[in-house]
Amino acid sequence: MFLIQIVNIIFCITCGYSENHHHCVQTKSTDESCDALKTTEPSMALVPYNPNNDVLAVFNKPERVFRFVEKELKIPQDWNNLGVAAVVWDAAIVLCEYLETGNVVLEHKKVIELGAGSGLVGIVATLLGAQTIITDQEKALPYLTKAVRNNLPDNFKDKYKVQALDWRGDLETYTETFDVILGADIIYIEDTFPDLLRTIIHLSNKDTLVYISCRIRYTRDSNFLKMLSEIFDLKKVHVDRQRDITIYKGKKKIHSTQK
């Protein structure tokens, strides 16, 4: 399905997202605590699809170039064929910036990225010294694998794997837990929330650190954070107000019966 060829597509002028042919932006609370994740139903800022709009234009670029860990990274994009899975979202960029500052110890750590999309976060984590598993659904793997391989030098071949991981599927093939779990812009489809939570719980132990980078677009997005906070001590560790992205850090609660 070629989303940009549909004349009647409607998308949000602020965030440029096209899930279900529209998206929205929510006015967020300035309260930095995660004790009460409260939002109101967002107001919509919808405009007719315009191929010349600057917001959507960034997704039509066949390639975006970034510089992280003193390396130029060229990330291909394939919005026409793969849609949201094959473009670079602000949440990924902000999380990479956060990782690069050294806020998360990644050297020699076992790291998994969920819903990797373009693979940018997993690539940066690997360059920062992590032993990384970069995951997405099976249908996204050819694109993801190419993006990762083209941006990691040959001497990193033993430092990463690109693997399929369907949150709705059998998780028993993942028999180990991880030191760090990373996710950028993965909490936008409500139907996936229970499975995503199940996946995070399955892949984590009492010492695992979970980092979720996201833009809260709907009340339901905050509801996932509430679900997560029932099992994990969750707090905001970084807010990029210009791009409206927040990074949350979680660690399993001491009294949790999970792993």
Protein backbone atom coordinates (compact mmCIF):
# COMPACT_ATOMS: atom_id res chain seq x y z
CA MET A 1 0.00 0.00 0.00
CA PHE A 2 1.51 3.28 -1.04
CA LEU A 3 0.34 5.69 1.61
CA ILE A 4 1.61 8.82 -0.04
CA GLN A 5 -0.30 8.02 -3.21
CA ILE A 6 -3.66 8.15 -1.46
CA VAL A 7 -5.10 11.57 -2.21
CA ASN A 8 -7.31 11.67 0.83
CA ILE A 9 -4.71 10.82 3.45
CA ILE A 10 -4.99 13.09 6.46
CA PHE A 11 -2.10 13.54 8.79
CA CYS A 12 -1.10 15.69 11.71
CA ILE A 13 0.79 18.81 10.74
CA THR A 14 2.79 18.69 13.96
CA CYS A 15 3.97 15.10 14.12
CA GLY A 16 3.54 13.96 10.53
CA TYR A 17 2.35 10.50 11.46
CA SER A 18 -0.14 8.53 9.41
CA GLU A 19 -1.40 5.59 11.48
CA ASN A 20 -5.02 4.99 10.46
CA HIS A 21 -4.57 7.96 8.10
CA HIS A 22 -4.38 10.50 10.93
CA HIS A 23 -2.47 11.38 14.03
CA CYS A 24 -2.53 13.98 16.70
CA VAL A 25 -0.52 15.93 19.22
CA GLN A 26 -1.42 16.32 22.85
CA THR A 27 -0.63 19.20 25.17
CA LYS A 28 1.49 17.54 27.82
CA SER A 29 1.71 18.19 31.52
CA THR A 30 4.87 19.82 32.78
CA ASP A 31 4.83 17.55 35.84
CA GLU A 32 8.06 15.54 35.63
CA SER A 33 7.00 12.85 38.11
CA CYS A 34 5.74 9.51 36.87
CA ASP A 35 3.53 8.87 39.87
CA ALA A 36 0.46 10.22 38.13
CA LEU A 37 0.58 9.83 34.37
CA LYS A 38 -2.42 11.98 33.60
CA THR A 39 -3.49 13.25 30.21
CA THR A 40 -6.60 14.54 28.59
CA GLU A 41 -7.88 13.31 25.26
CA PRO A 42 -5.77 15.17 22.69
CA SER A 43 -7.04 17.83 20.38
CA MET A 44 -6.49 17.16 16.70
CA ALA A 45 -4.50 19.26 14.29
CA LEU A 46 -5.47 17.70 10.99
CA VAL A 47 -4.76 18.90 7.49
CA PRO A 48 -5.32 17.27 4.09
CA TYR A 49 -2.39 15.31 2.75
CA ASN A 50 -0.03 17.51 0.80
CA PRO A 51 3.02 15.89 -0.84
CA ASN A 52 4.88 19.19 -0.63
CA ASN A 53 4.42 19.54 3.12
CA ASP A 54 7.76 19.79 4.95
CA VAL A 55 6.62 17.45 7.73
CA LEU A 56 5.95 14.54 5.39
CA ALA A 57 8.85 15.40 3.11
CA VAL A 58 11.38 14.12 5.65
CA PHE A 59 9.82 10.67 5.39
CA ASN A 60 10.08 10.72 1.60
CA LYS A 61 13.84 11.17 1.70
CA PRO A 62 15.43 7.92 0.53
CA GLU A 63 18.18 8.39 3.08
CA ARG A 64 18.85 10.39 6.24
CA VAL A 65 22.32 11.05 7.54
CA PHE A 66 23.27 11.28 11.22
CA ARG A 67 26.50 11.47 13.16
CA PHE A 68 26.76 9.43 16.33
CA VAL A 69 29.78 7.97 18.12
CA GLU A 70 32.06 9.85 15.72
CA LYS A 71 30.63 7.94 12.77
CA GLU A 72 28.45 9.05 9.90
CA LEU A 73 25.37 6.87 9.72
CA LYS A 74 23.33 6.69 6.53
CA ILE A 75 19.88 5.33 7.27
CA PRO A 76 17.74 4.35 4.26
CA GLN A 77 14.01 5.09 4.31
CA ASP A 78 11.25 3.30 2.42
CA TRP A 79 8.02 5.05 3.39
CA ASN A 80 6.30 4.13 0.12
CA ASN A 81 6.58 0.37 0.62
CA LEU A 82 6.97 -0.17 4.35
CA GLY A 83 5.40 2.94 5.85
CA VAL A 84 6.04 3.71 9.51
CA ALA A 85 8.49 0.82 9.93
CA ALA A 86 11.00 2.25 7.50
CA VAL A 87 11.50 5.87 8.51
CA VAL A 88 13.48 7.51 11.30
CA TRP A 89 11.31 8.94 14.07
CA ASP A 90 12.29 11.73 16.46
CA ALA A 91 12.00 9.37 19.43
CA ALA A 92 14.83 7.27 18.00
CA ILE A 93 17.03 10.30 17.40
CA VAL A 94 16.47 11.65 20.92
CA LEU A 95 17.19 8.24 22.47
CA CYS A 96 20.43 7.98 20.47
CA GLU A 97 21.47 11.41 21.69
CA TYR A 98 20.72 10.34 25.25
CA LEU A 99 22.73 7.14 24.90
CA GLU A 100 25.68 8.95 23.35
CA THR A 101 26.02 11.26 26.35
CA GLY A 102 26.91 8.25 28.51
CA ASN A 103 23.75 8.30 30.62
CA VAL A 104 23.39 4.55 30.07
CA VAL A 105 26.27 2.14 30.60
CA LEU A 106 26.33 -0.02 27.46
CA GLU A 107 29.90 -1.29 27.29
CA HIS A 108 29.82 -5.11 27.38
CA LYS A 109 26.12 -5.09 28.27
CA LYS A 110 23.51 -7.38 26.72
CA VAL A 111 21.05 -5.05 25.00
CA ILE A 112 17.88 -5.68 23.02
CA GLU A 113 15.97 -3.14 20.95
CA LEU A 114 12.25 -3.72 20.46
CA GLY A 115 10.42 -2.56 17.34
CA ALA A 116 13.67 -1.33 15.88
CA GLY A 117 12.27 0.01 12.60
CA SER A 118 15.21 1.71 10.92
CA GLY A 119 17.64 0.22 13.45
CA LEU A 120 19.22 3.55 14.35
CA VAL A 121 19.02 2.99 18.12
CA GLY A 122 20.43 -0.52 17.90
CA ILE A 123 23.24 0.66 15.65
CA VAL A 124 24.25 3.39 18.10
CA ALA A 125 24.02 1.01 21.07
CA THR A 126 26.34 -1.41 19.27
CA LEU A 127 28.84 1.33 18.44
CA LEU A 128 28.81 2.27 22.12
CA GLY A 129 30.03 -1.20 23.07
CA ALA A 130 26.87 -3.22 23.67
CA GLN A 131 26.27 -6.81 22.60
CA THR A 132 23.05 -6.04 20.79
CA ILE A 133 20.01 -7.89 19.47
CA ILE A 134 18.03 -5.64 17.14
CA THR A 135 14.46 -6.86 16.61
CA ASP A 136 11.32 -6.22 14.63
CA GLN A 137 8.63 -8.24 12.89
CA GLU A 138 9.68 -10.77 10.27
CA LYS A 139 8.41 -8.70 7.34
CA ALA A 140 10.61 -5.76 8.37
CA LEU A 141 13.84 -7.77 8.64
CA PRO A 142 15.19 -7.39 5.07
CA TYR A 143 15.05 -3.59 5.35
CA LEU A 144 16.29 -3.57 8.95
CA THR A 145 19.14 -5.98 8.25
CA LYS A 146 20.37 -3.91 5.32
CA ALA A 147 20.27 -0.69 7.34
CA VAL A 148 22.20 -2.24 10.21
CA ARG A 149 24.83 -4.02 8.13
CA ASN A 150 25.51 -0.95 6.01
CA ASN A 151 26.24 1.16 9.09
CA LEU A 152 28.26 -1.18 11.30
CA PRO A 153 31.87 -1.92 10.33
CA ASP A 154 32.97 -5.50 9.65
CA ASN A 155 34.76 -5.68 13.01
CA PHE A 156 31.35 -5.36 14.71
CA LYS A 157 29.87 -8.46 13.06
CA ASP A 158 30.10 -10.46 16.28
CA LYS A 159 28.62 -7.62 18.34
CA TYR A 160 25.04 -7.70 17.04
CA LYS A 161 22.23 -9.83 15.66
CA VAL A 162 19.14 -8.81 13.73
CA GLN A 163 16.25 -11.08 14.69
CA ALA A 164 12.51 -11.38 14.36
CA LEU A 165 10.47 -10.75 17.48
CA ASP A 166 6.68 -10.65 17.36
CA TRP A 167 5.35 -9.52 20.74
CA ARG A 168 2.19 -11.54 20.11
CA GLY A 169 4.10 -14.73 19.41
CA ASP A 170 5.94 -17.38 21.38
CA LEU A 171 8.62 -15.69 23.47
CA GLU A 172 10.19 -18.92 24.66
CA THR A 173 12.79 -18.76 21.89
CA TYR A 174 14.25 -15.89 23.91
CA THR A 175 15.64 -17.82 26.84
CA GLU A 176 17.88 -15.10 28.27
CA THR A 177 17.19 -11.79 29.91
CA PHE A 178 18.98 -8.54 29.10
CA ASP A 179 20.87 -5.83 30.92
CA VAL A 180 19.15 -3.10 28.92
CA ILE A 181 15.92 -3.01 26.90
CA LEU A 182 15.48 -0.12 24.44
CA GLY A 183 12.36 1.04 22.63
CA ALA A 184 11.72 4.17 20.57
CA ASP A 185 8.17 5.10 19.54
CA ILE A 186 6.75 1.64 20.20
CA ILE A 187 3.64 2.48 22.24
CA TYR A 188 1.23 3.89 19.66
CA ILE A 189 -1.04 0.90 18.86
CA GLU A 190 -3.29 0.06 21.79
CA ASP A 191 -3.97 -3.53 20.74
CA THR A 192 -0.27 -4.34 21.17
CA PHE A 193 0.04 -2.99 24.72
CA PRO A 194 -0.62 -6.23 26.65
CA ASP A 195 1.77 -8.16 24.40
CA LEU A 196 4.42 -5.47 24.56
CA LEU A 197 4.23 -5.47 28.36
CA ARG A 198 4.43 -9.27 28.39
CA THR A 199 7.51 -9.08 26.15
CA ILE A 200 9.30 -6.54 28.33
CA ILE A 201 8.57 -8.60 31.44
CA HIS A 202 9.80 -11.79 29.75
CA LEU A 203 13.07 -10.22 28.60
CA SER A 204 13.92 -8.53 31.90
CA ASN A 205 15.15 -9.54 35.33
CA LYS A 206 15.35 -7.60 38.58
CA ASP A 207 18.43 -5.70 37.38
CA THR A 208 17.33 -4.93 33.81
CA LEU A 209 17.00 -1.27 32.86
CA VAL A 210 14.23 -0.38 30.41
CA TYR A 211 14.37 2.83 28.38
CA ILE A 212 11.30 3.92 26.44
CA SER A 213 11.54 7.02 24.24
CA CYS A 214 8.18 8.30 23.06
CA ARG A 215 5.83 11.09 22.18
CA ILE A 216 2.55 10.83 24.10
CA ARG A 217 -0.07 11.31 21.40
CA TYR A 218 -3.19 9.82 22.95
CA THR A 219 -4.55 9.12 26.42
CA ARG A 220 -4.16 5.43 25.62
CA ASP A 221 -0.39 5.93 25.26
CA SER A 222 -0.22 7.13 28.85
CA ASN A 223 -2.29 4.12 29.81
CA PHE A 224 0.54 1.86 28.65
CA LEU A 225 2.96 3.74 30.87
CA LYS A 226 0.57 3.16 33.74
CA MET A 227 0.51 -0.55 32.93
CA LEU A 228 4.30 -0.60 32.83
CA SER A 229 4.56 1.29 36.13
CA GLU A 230 2.60 -1.46 37.89
CA ILE A 231 5.57 -3.80 37.39
CA PHE A 232 8.45 -1.35 36.99
CA ASP A 233 9.56 1.68 38.95
CA LEU A 234 9.20 4.20 36.16
CA LYS A 235 10.50 7.74 35.97
CA LYS A 236 11.23 10.41 33.41
CA VAL A 237 14.96 10.80 32.83
CA HIS A 238 14.96 13.14 29.85
CA VAL A 239 12.52 15.53 28.19
CA ASP A 240 13.14 17.09 24.79
CA ARG A 241 10.51 19.81 24.74
CA GLN A 242 11.37 21.06 21.27
CA ARG A 243 10.62 17.67 19.72
CA ASP A 244 8.05 16.69 22.37
CA ILE A 245 9.87 13.49 23.24
CA THR A 246 10.21 11.99 26.72
CA ILE A 247 12.50 9.15 27.79
CA TYR A 248 11.31 6.92 30.62
CA LYS A 249 13.55 4.61 32.63
CA GLY A 250 12.17 1.53 34.36
CA LYS A 251 13.42 -1.20 36.67
CA LYS A 252 11.35 -4.01 38.13
CA LYS A 253 9.88 -3.24 41.51
CA ILE A 254 11.45 -5.13 44.37
CA HIS A 255 8.12 -6.69 45.36
CA SER A 256 7.31 -7.76 41.80
CA THR A 257 6.75 -11.51 41.41
CA GLN A 258 8.08 -11.33 37.84
CA LYS A 259 11.55 -12.87 37.22
